[in-house]
Amino acid sequence: MHAPDNFNHASETPMAGRHSDTATFQGQIGRIRDIVEHAIEQPRGTTSLVERLADRTSSLHASISLPADSAPLLLADFVVRYIEHVPDFVEAIYEMAADSELLPQVQPLLTIATDYFLKPPDLITEHSPLESLLDEAYLAHRLLEEINDRFILRCGQPLVPMDTTRANLIAHELIGEPFANELDQAVIFSAELLLSEYSFSGAVFDKFFARHQQSGWSVEISRWPCLASDRAIFLNFDRERL
């Protein structure tokens, strides 16, 4: 796993620099969405995924309770939404950070999340396209979960109002052990690298967390619903016990 380039442009006051960075970032998000769309549209893409999930259904944790006849299709739909959610939340975090003057500090986190798709780490093995994207999406979702957990321990507030814990537990089950555990270790390494090499503190962060401690996250959630929780991607089980 590599460290991202330092995107700290605090010394660049011209708006041209900001617009250039935004255009580059939007281009990366567009590429990720194109990759996802192409994988979904492949003739064997979803079929192969459904077949693999059918093999996995019988060995899933008992808390994942689904009708046997439709479980593979429901899980495949969950996987697609779980993958599609990554560019949505990364884009939302980018805009939220830019609005709060946190972008130079938060950009390295977003760079790693996008690189999981654009420059997949070596441990991502060859699967069908959607299965590989599930691995990459899991890395991105778990990275944000790990960073949020560490911010909560450090200052009592998450970096973003987003909790994908249950969705990540399901994805972990679908990926299967021991490989899902290897992905978790890669995420922990990236999180530790970020927090040791980049500054996630200072007056701007203090102002950001103080504002949300006082007023909550209603403005951000209303503007970017994908930040609210994992409800947008969570599978609607008959019995939700995760």
C-alpha atoms as a PDB file:
ATOM      1  CA  MET A   1       0.000   0.000   0.000  1.00  0.00           C
ATOM      2  CA  HIS A   2       1.452   3.353  -0.939  1.00  0.00           C
ATOM      3  CA  ALA A   3       1.218   6.781   0.597  1.00  0.00           C
ATOM      4  CA  PRO A   4      -0.681   9.359  -1.466  1.00  0.00           C
ATOM      5  CA  ASP A   5       0.980  12.384  -2.968  1.00  0.00           C
ATOM      6  CA  ASN A   6       0.799  15.409  -0.704  1.00  0.00           C
ATOM      7  CA  PHE A   7      -2.067  17.511  -1.956  1.00  0.00           C
ATOM      8  CA  ASN A   8      -1.517  20.325   0.542  1.00  0.00           C
ATOM      9  CA  HIS A   9      -1.960  23.456  -1.574  1.00  0.00           C
ATOM     10  CA  ALA A  10      -2.374  25.852   1.336  1.00  0.00           C
ATOM     11  CA  SER A  11       0.191  28.181  -0.195  1.00  0.00           C
ATOM     12  CA  GLU A  12      -1.660  28.380  -3.522  1.00  0.00           C
ATOM     13  CA  THR A  13      -4.087  31.267  -3.179  1.00  0.00           C
ATOM     14  CA  PRO A  14      -5.187  31.645  -6.834  1.00  0.00           C
ATOM     15  CA  MET A  15      -8.579  30.158  -7.542  1.00  0.00           C
ATOM     16  CA  ALA A  16      -7.130  28.607 -10.698  1.00  0.00           C
ATOM     17  CA  GLY A  17      -5.283  26.058  -8.559  1.00  0.00           C
ATOM     18  CA  ARG A  18      -8.470  25.095  -6.734  1.00  0.00           C
ATOM     19  CA  HIS A  19     -10.433  24.769  -9.978  1.00  0.00           C
ATOM     20  CA  SER A  20      -7.682  22.624 -11.486  1.00  0.00           C
ATOM     21  CA  ASP A  21      -7.659  20.306  -8.466  1.00  0.00           C
ATOM     22  CA  THR A  22     -11.451  20.037  -8.544  1.00  0.00           C
ATOM     23  CA  ALA A  23     -11.447  19.216 -12.257  1.00  0.00           C
ATOM     24  CA  THR A  24      -8.822  16.507 -11.688  1.00  0.00           C
ATOM     25  CA  PHE A  25     -10.808  15.037  -8.818  1.00  0.00           C
ATOM     26  CA  GLN A  26     -14.079  15.072 -10.772  1.00  0.00           C
ATOM     27  CA  GLY A  27     -12.291  13.326 -13.614  1.00  0.00           C
ATOM     28  CA  GLN A  28     -11.169  10.577 -11.236  1.00  0.00           C
ATOM     29  CA  ILE A  29     -14.680  10.141  -9.854  1.00  0.00           C
ATOM     30  CA  GLY A  30     -15.998   9.968 -13.413  1.00  0.00           C
ATOM     31  CA  ARG A  31     -13.473   7.247 -14.252  1.00  0.00           C
ATOM     32  CA  ILE A  32     -14.542   5.207 -11.236  1.00  0.00           C
ATOM     33  CA  ARG A  33     -18.199   5.490 -12.207  1.00  0.00           C
ATOM     34  CA  ASP A  34     -17.313   4.430 -15.756  1.00  0.00           C
ATOM     35  CA  ILE A  35     -15.412   1.398 -14.425  1.00  0.00           C
ATOM     36  CA  VAL A  36     -18.390   0.394 -12.283  1.00  0.00           C
ATOM     37  CA  GLU A  37     -20.904   0.921 -15.074  1.00  0.00           C
ATOM     38  CA  HIS A  38     -18.798  -1.089 -17.518  1.00  0.00           C
ATOM     39  CA  ALA A  39     -18.540  -3.993 -15.054  1.00  0.00           C
ATOM     40  CA  ILE A  40     -22.298  -3.995 -14.465  1.00  0.00           C
ATOM     41  CA  GLU A  41     -23.066  -3.911 -18.175  1.00  0.00           C
ATOM     42  CA  GLN A  42     -20.826  -6.831 -19.098  1.00  0.00           C
ATOM     43  CA  PRO A  43     -22.990  -9.768 -20.238  1.00  0.00           C
ATOM     44  CA  ARG A  44     -21.527 -12.146 -17.681  1.00  0.00           C
ATOM     45  CA  GLY A  45     -20.913  -9.517 -15.011  1.00  0.00           C
ATOM     46  CA  THR A  46     -23.956  -9.809 -12.774  1.00  0.00           C
ATOM     47  CA  THR A  47     -24.582 -13.429 -13.791  1.00  0.00           C
ATOM     48  CA  SER A  48     -21.152 -14.494 -12.547  1.00  0.00           C
ATOM     49  CA  LEU A  49     -21.688 -12.519  -9.342  1.00  0.00           C
ATOM     50  CA  VAL A  50     -25.077 -14.122  -8.700  1.00  0.00           C
ATOM     51  CA  GLU A  51     -23.598 -17.586  -9.286  1.00  0.00           C
ATOM     52  CA  ARG A  52     -20.803 -16.958  -6.787  1.00  0.00           C
ATOM     53  CA  LEU A  53     -23.208 -15.544  -4.225  1.00  0.00           C
ATOM     54  CA  ALA A  54     -25.453 -18.578  -4.643  1.00  0.00           C
ATOM     55  CA  ASP A  55     -22.483 -20.716  -3.601  1.00  0.00           C
ATOM     56  CA  ARG A  56     -21.841 -18.426  -0.622  1.00  0.00           C
ATOM     57  CA  THR A  57     -25.445 -18.221   0.620  1.00  0.00           C
ATOM     58  CA  SER A  58     -25.411 -21.458   2.575  1.00  0.00           C
ATOM     59  CA  SER A  59     -22.289 -20.471   4.527  1.00  0.00           C
ATOM     60  CA  LEU A  60     -23.251 -16.907   5.483  1.00  0.00           C
ATOM     61  CA  HIS A  61     -23.537 -15.889   9.109  1.00  0.00           C
ATOM     62  CA  ALA A  62     -26.864 -16.797  10.683  1.00  0.00           C
ATOM     63  CA  SER A  63     -27.629 -13.118  11.280  1.00  0.00           C
ATOM     64  CA  ILE A  64     -27.920 -12.614   7.508  1.00  0.00           C
ATOM     65  CA  SER A  65     -31.404 -13.993   7.077  1.00  0.00           C
ATOM     66  CA  LEU A  66     -32.790 -14.000   3.530  1.00  0.00           C
ATOM     67  CA  PRO A  67     -35.401 -15.955   1.587  1.00  0.00           C
ATOM     68  CA  ALA A  68     -33.535 -18.913   0.078  1.00  0.00           C
ATOM     69  CA  ASP A  69     -35.075 -18.537  -3.375  1.00  0.00           C
ATOM     70  CA  SER A  70     -34.100 -14.878  -3.807  1.00  0.00           C
ATOM     71  CA  ALA A  71     -31.005 -14.565  -1.611  1.00  0.00           C
ATOM     72  CA  PRO A  72     -28.405 -14.511  -4.443  1.00  0.00           C
ATOM     73  CA  LEU A  73     -30.275 -11.802  -6.361  1.00  0.00           C
ATOM     74  CA  LEU A  74     -30.798  -9.696  -3.233  1.00  0.00           C
ATOM     75  CA  LEU A  75     -27.139 -10.018  -2.297  1.00  0.00           C
ATOM     76  CA  ALA A  76     -26.045  -9.129  -5.836  1.00  0.00           C
ATOM     77  CA  ASP A  77     -28.190  -5.999  -5.679  1.00  0.00           C
ATOM     78  CA  PHE A  78     -26.573  -5.132  -2.348  1.00  0.00           C
ATOM     79  CA  VAL A  79     -23.079  -5.608  -3.847  1.00  0.00           C
ATOM     80  CA  VAL A  80     -23.844  -3.297  -6.775  1.00  0.00           C
ATOM     81  CA  ARG A  81     -25.200  -0.564  -4.476  1.00  0.00           C
ATOM     82  CA  TYR A  82     -22.274  -1.019  -2.078  1.00  0.00           C
ATOM     83  CA  ILE A  83     -19.851  -0.468  -4.969  1.00  0.00           C
ATOM     84  CA  GLU A  84     -21.793   2.437  -6.476  1.00  0.00           C
ATOM     85  CA  HIS A  85     -21.875   4.169  -3.112  1.00  0.00           C
ATOM     86  CA  VAL A  86     -18.094   4.712  -3.012  1.00  0.00           C
ATOM     87  CA  PRO A  87     -17.817   7.485  -5.639  1.00  0.00           C
ATOM     88  CA  ASP A  88     -20.931   9.116  -4.170  1.00  0.00           C
ATOM     89  CA  PHE A  89     -19.549   9.368  -0.645  1.00  0.00           C
ATOM     90  CA  VAL A  90     -16.030  10.280  -1.792  1.00  0.00           C
ATOM     91  CA  GLU A  91     -17.459  13.123  -3.860  1.00  0.00           C
ATOM     92  CA  ALA A  92     -19.618  14.272  -0.930  1.00  0.00           C
ATOM     93  CA  ILE A  93     -16.664  14.254   1.459  1.00  0.00           C
ATOM     94  CA  TYR A  94     -14.596  16.231  -1.046  1.00  0.00           C
ATOM     95  CA  GLU A  95     -17.250  18.942  -1.308  1.00  0.00           C
ATOM     96  CA  MET A  96     -17.858  18.998   2.439  1.00  0.00           C
ATOM     97  CA  ALA A  97     -14.129  19.319   3.137  1.00  0.00           C
ATOM     98  CA  ALA A  98     -13.775  22.072   0.538  1.00  0.00           C
ATOM     99  CA  ASP A  99     -16.662  24.013   2.082  1.00  0.00           C
ATOM    100  CA  SER A 100     -15.062  23.685   5.533  1.00  0.00           C
ATOM    101  CA  GLU A 101     -11.539  24.616   4.333  1.00  0.00           C
ATOM    102  CA  LEU A 102     -10.340  21.117   5.239  1.00  0.00           C
ATOM    103  CA  LEU A 103      -9.567  19.921   1.733  1.00  0.00           C
ATOM    104  CA  PRO A 104      -5.740  20.086   1.963  1.00  0.00           C
ATOM    105  CA  GLN A 105      -5.853  17.868   5.060  1.00  0.00           C
ATOM    106  CA  VAL A 106      -8.576  15.477   3.877  1.00  0.00           C
ATOM    107  CA  GLN A 107      -7.353  15.071   0.287  1.00  0.00           C
ATOM    108  CA  PRO A 108      -4.811  12.299   1.139  1.00  0.00           C
ATOM    109  CA  LEU A 109      -7.645  10.175   2.578  1.00  0.00           C
ATOM    110  CA  LEU A 110      -9.712  10.646  -0.578  1.00  0.00           C
ATOM    111  CA  THR A 111      -6.694   9.899  -2.756  1.00  0.00           C
ATOM    112  CA  ILE A 112      -6.220   6.499  -1.157  1.00  0.00           C
ATOM    113  CA  ALA A 113      -9.964   5.745  -1.450  1.00  0.00           C
ATOM    114  CA  THR A 114      -9.970   6.556  -5.177  1.00  0.00           C
ATOM    115  CA  ASP A 115      -6.679   4.755  -5.773  1.00  0.00           C
ATOM    116  CA  TYR A 116      -8.263   1.534  -4.523  1.00  0.00           C
ATOM    117  CA  PHE A 117     -10.247   1.659  -7.785  1.00  0.00           C
ATOM    118  CA  LEU A 118      -7.859   3.431 -10.139  1.00  0.00           C
ATOM    119  CA  LYS A 119      -4.628   1.782  -8.901  1.00  0.00           C
ATOM    120  CA  PRO A 120      -5.745  -1.388  -7.091  1.00  0.00           C
ATOM    121  CA  PRO A 121      -3.211  -2.779  -4.603  1.00  0.00           C
ATOM    122  CA  ASP A 122      -1.391  -5.989  -5.477  1.00  0.00           C
ATOM    123  CA  LEU A 123      -3.405  -8.057  -3.022  1.00  0.00           C
ATOM    124  CA  ILE A 124      -6.540  -7.622  -5.183  1.00  0.00           C
ATOM    125  CA  THR A 125      -6.521 -10.824  -7.192  1.00  0.00           C
ATOM    126  CA  GLU A 126      -8.190 -11.485 -10.511  1.00  0.00           C
ATOM    127  CA  HIS A 127     -11.906 -12.153 -10.121  1.00  0.00           C
ATOM    128  CA  SER A 128     -14.834 -11.289 -12.281  1.00  0.00           C
ATOM    129  CA  PRO A 129     -15.004  -7.470 -12.639  1.00  0.00           C
ATOM    130  CA  LEU A 130     -17.776  -7.020 -10.072  1.00  0.00           C
ATOM    131  CA  GLU A 131     -16.066  -9.290  -7.547  1.00  0.00           C
ATOM    132  CA  SER A 132     -12.844  -7.286  -7.872  1.00  0.00           C
ATOM    133  CA  LEU A 133     -14.831  -4.070  -7.460  1.00  0.00           C
ATOM    134  CA  LEU A 134     -16.428  -5.495  -4.328  1.00  0.00           C
ATOM    135  CA  ASP A 135     -12.933  -5.992  -2.865  1.00  0.00           C
ATOM    136  CA  GLU A 136     -11.953  -2.446  -3.821  1.00  0.00           C
ATOM    137  CA  ALA A 137     -15.186  -0.977  -2.470  1.00  0.00           C
ATOM    138  CA  TYR A 138     -14.666  -2.862   0.781  1.00  0.00           C
ATOM    139  CA  LEU A 139     -11.224  -1.283   1.147  1.00  0.00           C
ATOM    140  CA  ALA A 140     -12.652   2.211   0.599  1.00  0.00           C
ATOM    141  CA  HIS A 141     -15.621   1.748   2.949  1.00  0.00           C
ATOM    142  CA  ARG A 142     -13.479   0.156   5.639  1.00  0.00           C
ATOM    143  CA  LEU A 143     -10.861   2.915   5.390  1.00  0.00           C
ATOM    144  CA  LEU A 144     -13.469   5.564   6.121  1.00  0.00           C
ATOM    145  CA  GLU A 145     -14.903   3.445   8.940  1.00  0.00           C
ATOM    146  CA  GLU A 146     -11.413   3.097  10.470  1.00  0.00           C
ATOM    147  CA  ILE A 147     -10.663   6.817  10.161  1.00  0.00           C
ATOM    148  CA  ASN A 148     -14.046   7.716  11.656  1.00  0.00           C
ATOM    149  CA  ASP A 149     -13.475   5.355  14.596  1.00  0.00           C
ATOM    150  CA  ARG A 150     -10.107   6.934  15.323  1.00  0.00           C
ATOM    151  CA  PHE A 151     -11.501  10.450  15.167  1.00  0.00           C
ATOM    152  CA  ILE A 152     -14.278   9.471  17.582  1.00  0.00           C
ATOM    153  CA  LEU A 153     -11.685   8.117  20.021  1.00  0.00           C
ATOM    154  CA  ARG A 154      -9.523  11.194  19.599  1.00  0.00           C
ATOM    155  CA  CYS A 155     -12.080  14.005  19.765  1.00  0.00           C
ATOM    156  CA  GLY A 156     -15.524  12.476  20.227  1.00  0.00           C
ATOM    157  CA  GLN A 157     -16.666  13.282  16.682  1.00  0.00           C
ATOM    158  CA  PRO A 158     -16.444  11.373  13.373  1.00  0.00           C
ATOM    159  CA  LEU A 159     -14.849  12.996  10.357  1.00  0.00           C
ATOM    160  CA  VAL A 160     -18.088  12.426   8.457  1.00  0.00           C
ATOM    161  CA  PRO A 161     -21.591  11.452   9.664  1.00  0.00           C
ATOM    162  CA  MET A 162     -21.477   8.064   8.054  1.00  0.00           C
ATOM    163  CA  ASP A 163     -21.722   4.582   9.526  1.00  0.00           C
ATOM    164  CA  THR A 164     -21.267   1.675   7.129  1.00  0.00           C
ATOM    165  CA  THR A 165     -20.421  -0.829   9.846  1.00  0.00           C
ATOM    166  CA  ARG A 166     -23.306  -3.204   9.114  1.00  0.00           C
ATOM    167  CA  ALA A 167     -22.843  -2.996   5.362  1.00  0.00           C
ATOM    168  CA  ASN A 168     -19.129  -3.686   5.824  1.00  0.00           C
ATOM    169  CA  LEU A 169     -19.912  -6.734   7.963  1.00  0.00           C
ATOM    170  CA  ILE A 170     -22.058  -8.109   5.153  1.00  0.00           C
ATOM    171  CA  ALA A 171     -19.386  -7.368   2.554  1.00  0.00           C
ATOM    172  CA  HIS A 172     -16.806  -9.100   4.767  1.00  0.00           C
ATOM    173  CA  GLU A 173     -19.026 -12.183   4.807  1.00  0.00           C
ATOM    174  CA  LEU A 174     -19.497 -12.123   1.036  1.00  0.00           C
ATOM    175  CA  ILE A 175     -15.783 -11.717   0.342  1.00  0.00           C
ATOM    176  CA  GLY A 176     -14.995 -14.505   2.785  1.00  0.00           C
ATOM    177  CA  GLU A 177     -12.107 -15.272   5.070  1.00  0.00           C
ATOM    178  CA  PRO A 178      -9.170 -15.267   5.172  1.00  0.00           C
ATOM    179  CA  PHE A 179      -8.998 -12.785   2.284  1.00  0.00           C
ATOM    180  CA  ALA A 180     -11.364 -10.267   3.909  1.00  0.00           C
ATOM    181  CA  ASN A 181      -9.045 -10.252   6.930  1.00  0.00           C
ATOM    182  CA  GLU A 182      -6.112  -9.436   4.642  1.00  0.00           C
ATOM    183  CA  LEU A 183      -8.062  -6.483   3.270  1.00  0.00           C
ATOM    184  CA  ASP A 184      -8.767  -5.333   6.829  1.00  0.00           C
ATOM    185  CA  GLN A 185      -5.047  -5.396   7.622  1.00  0.00           C
ATOM    186  CA  ALA A 186      -4.320  -3.309   4.510  1.00  0.00           C
ATOM    187  CA  VAL A 187      -6.900  -0.760   5.659  1.00  0.00           C
ATOM    188  CA  ILE A 188      -5.391  -0.545   9.147  1.00  0.00           C
ATOM    189  CA  PHE A 189      -1.969   0.010   7.603  1.00  0.00           C
ATOM    190  CA  SER A 190      -3.334   2.823   5.403  1.00  0.00           C
ATOM    191  CA  ALA A 191      -5.155   4.457   8.319  1.00  0.00           C
ATOM    192  CA  GLU A 192      -2.028   4.415  10.482  1.00  0.00           C
ATOM    193  CA  LEU A 193       0.016   5.802   7.597  1.00  0.00           C
ATOM    194  CA  LEU A 194      -2.437   8.647   7.066  1.00  0.00           C
ATOM    195  CA  LEU A 195      -2.635   9.612  10.720  1.00  0.00           C
ATOM    196  CA  SER A 196       1.139   9.500  11.177  1.00  0.00           C
ATOM    197  CA  GLU A 197       2.143  11.337   7.987  1.00  0.00           C
ATOM    198  CA  TYR A 198      -0.603  13.937   7.602  1.00  0.00           C
ATOM    199  CA  SER A 199      -1.963  16.536   9.976  1.00  0.00           C
ATOM    200  CA  PHE A 200      -5.577  15.925  10.942  1.00  0.00           C
ATOM    201  CA  SER A 201      -5.512  18.628  13.600  1.00  0.00           C
ATOM    202  CA  GLY A 202      -5.277  22.373  13.992  1.00  0.00           C
ATOM    203  CA  ALA A 203      -7.533  25.404  14.233  1.00  0.00           C
ATOM    204  CA  VAL A 204      -9.587  24.538  11.152  1.00  0.00           C
ATOM    205  CA  PHE A 205     -10.295  21.024  12.447  1.00  0.00           C
ATOM    206  CA  ASP A 206     -11.119  22.392  15.913  1.00  0.00           C
ATOM    207  CA  LYS A 207     -13.637  24.801  14.379  1.00  0.00           C
ATOM    208  CA  PHE A 208     -15.099  22.025  12.217  1.00  0.00           C
ATOM    209  CA  PHE A 209     -15.650  19.621  15.120  1.00  0.00           C
ATOM    210  CA  ALA A 210     -16.893  22.344  17.487  1.00  0.00           C
ATOM    211  CA  ARG A 211     -19.522  23.395  14.947  1.00  0.00           C
ATOM    212  CA  HIS A 212     -20.817  19.854  14.511  1.00  0.00           C
ATOM    213  CA  GLN A 213     -20.717  19.117  18.206  1.00  0.00           C
ATOM    214  CA  GLN A 214     -23.000  22.104  18.732  1.00  0.00           C
ATOM    215  CA  SER A 215     -25.321  21.884  15.731  1.00  0.00           C
ATOM    216  CA  GLY A 216     -25.078  18.267  14.564  1.00  0.00           C
ATOM    217  CA  TRP A 217     -24.861  17.154  10.954  1.00  0.00           C
ATOM    218  CA  SER A 218     -28.342  17.982   9.640  1.00  0.00           C
ATOM    219  CA  VAL A 219     -27.099  20.456   7.021  1.00  0.00           C
ATOM    220  CA  GLU A 220     -24.565  18.005   5.571  1.00  0.00           C
ATOM    221  CA  ILE A 221     -26.977  15.085   5.636  1.00  0.00           C
ATOM    222  CA  SER A 222     -29.706  17.076   3.887  1.00  0.00           C
ATOM    223  CA  ARG A 223     -27.249  18.159   1.203  1.00  0.00           C
ATOM    224  CA  TRP A 224     -25.525  14.774   0.793  1.00  0.00           C
ATOM    225  CA  PRO A 225     -27.959  11.998   1.840  1.00  0.00           C
ATOM    226  CA  CYS A 226     -25.327   9.345   1.074  1.00  0.00           C
ATOM    227  CA  LEU A 227     -23.485  10.493   4.219  1.00  0.00           C
ATOM    228  CA  ALA A 228     -26.394   9.775   6.544  1.00  0.00           C
ATOM    229  CA  SER A 229     -25.719   6.102   7.264  1.00  0.00           C
ATOM    230  CA  ASP A 230     -25.490   2.774   5.516  1.00  0.00           C
ATOM    231  CA  ARG A 231     -29.251   2.770   4.877  1.00  0.00           C
ATOM    232  CA  ALA A 232     -28.769   3.756   1.252  1.00  0.00           C
ATOM    233  CA  ILE A 233     -26.787   0.601   0.585  1.00  0.00           C
ATOM    234  CA  PHE A 234     -27.933  -1.740   3.319  1.00  0.00           C
ATOM    235  CA  LEU A 235     -29.821  -4.851   2.327  1.00  0.00           C
ATOM    236  CA  ASN A 236     -33.430  -4.909   3.484  1.00  0.00           C
ATOM    237  CA  PHE A 237     -33.489  -8.155   5.393  1.00  0.00           C
ATOM    238  CA  ASP A 238     -36.650  -9.748   6.666  1.00  0.00           C
ATOM    239  CA  ARG A 239     -34.916  -9.700  10.049  1.00  0.00           C
ATOM    240  CA  GLU A 240     -32.096  -7.210  10.525  1.00  0.00           C
ATOM    241  CA  ARG A 241     -29.913  -8.357  13.364  1.00  0.00           C
ATOM    242  CA  LEU A 242     -26.474  -7.197  12.331  1.00  0.00           C
END
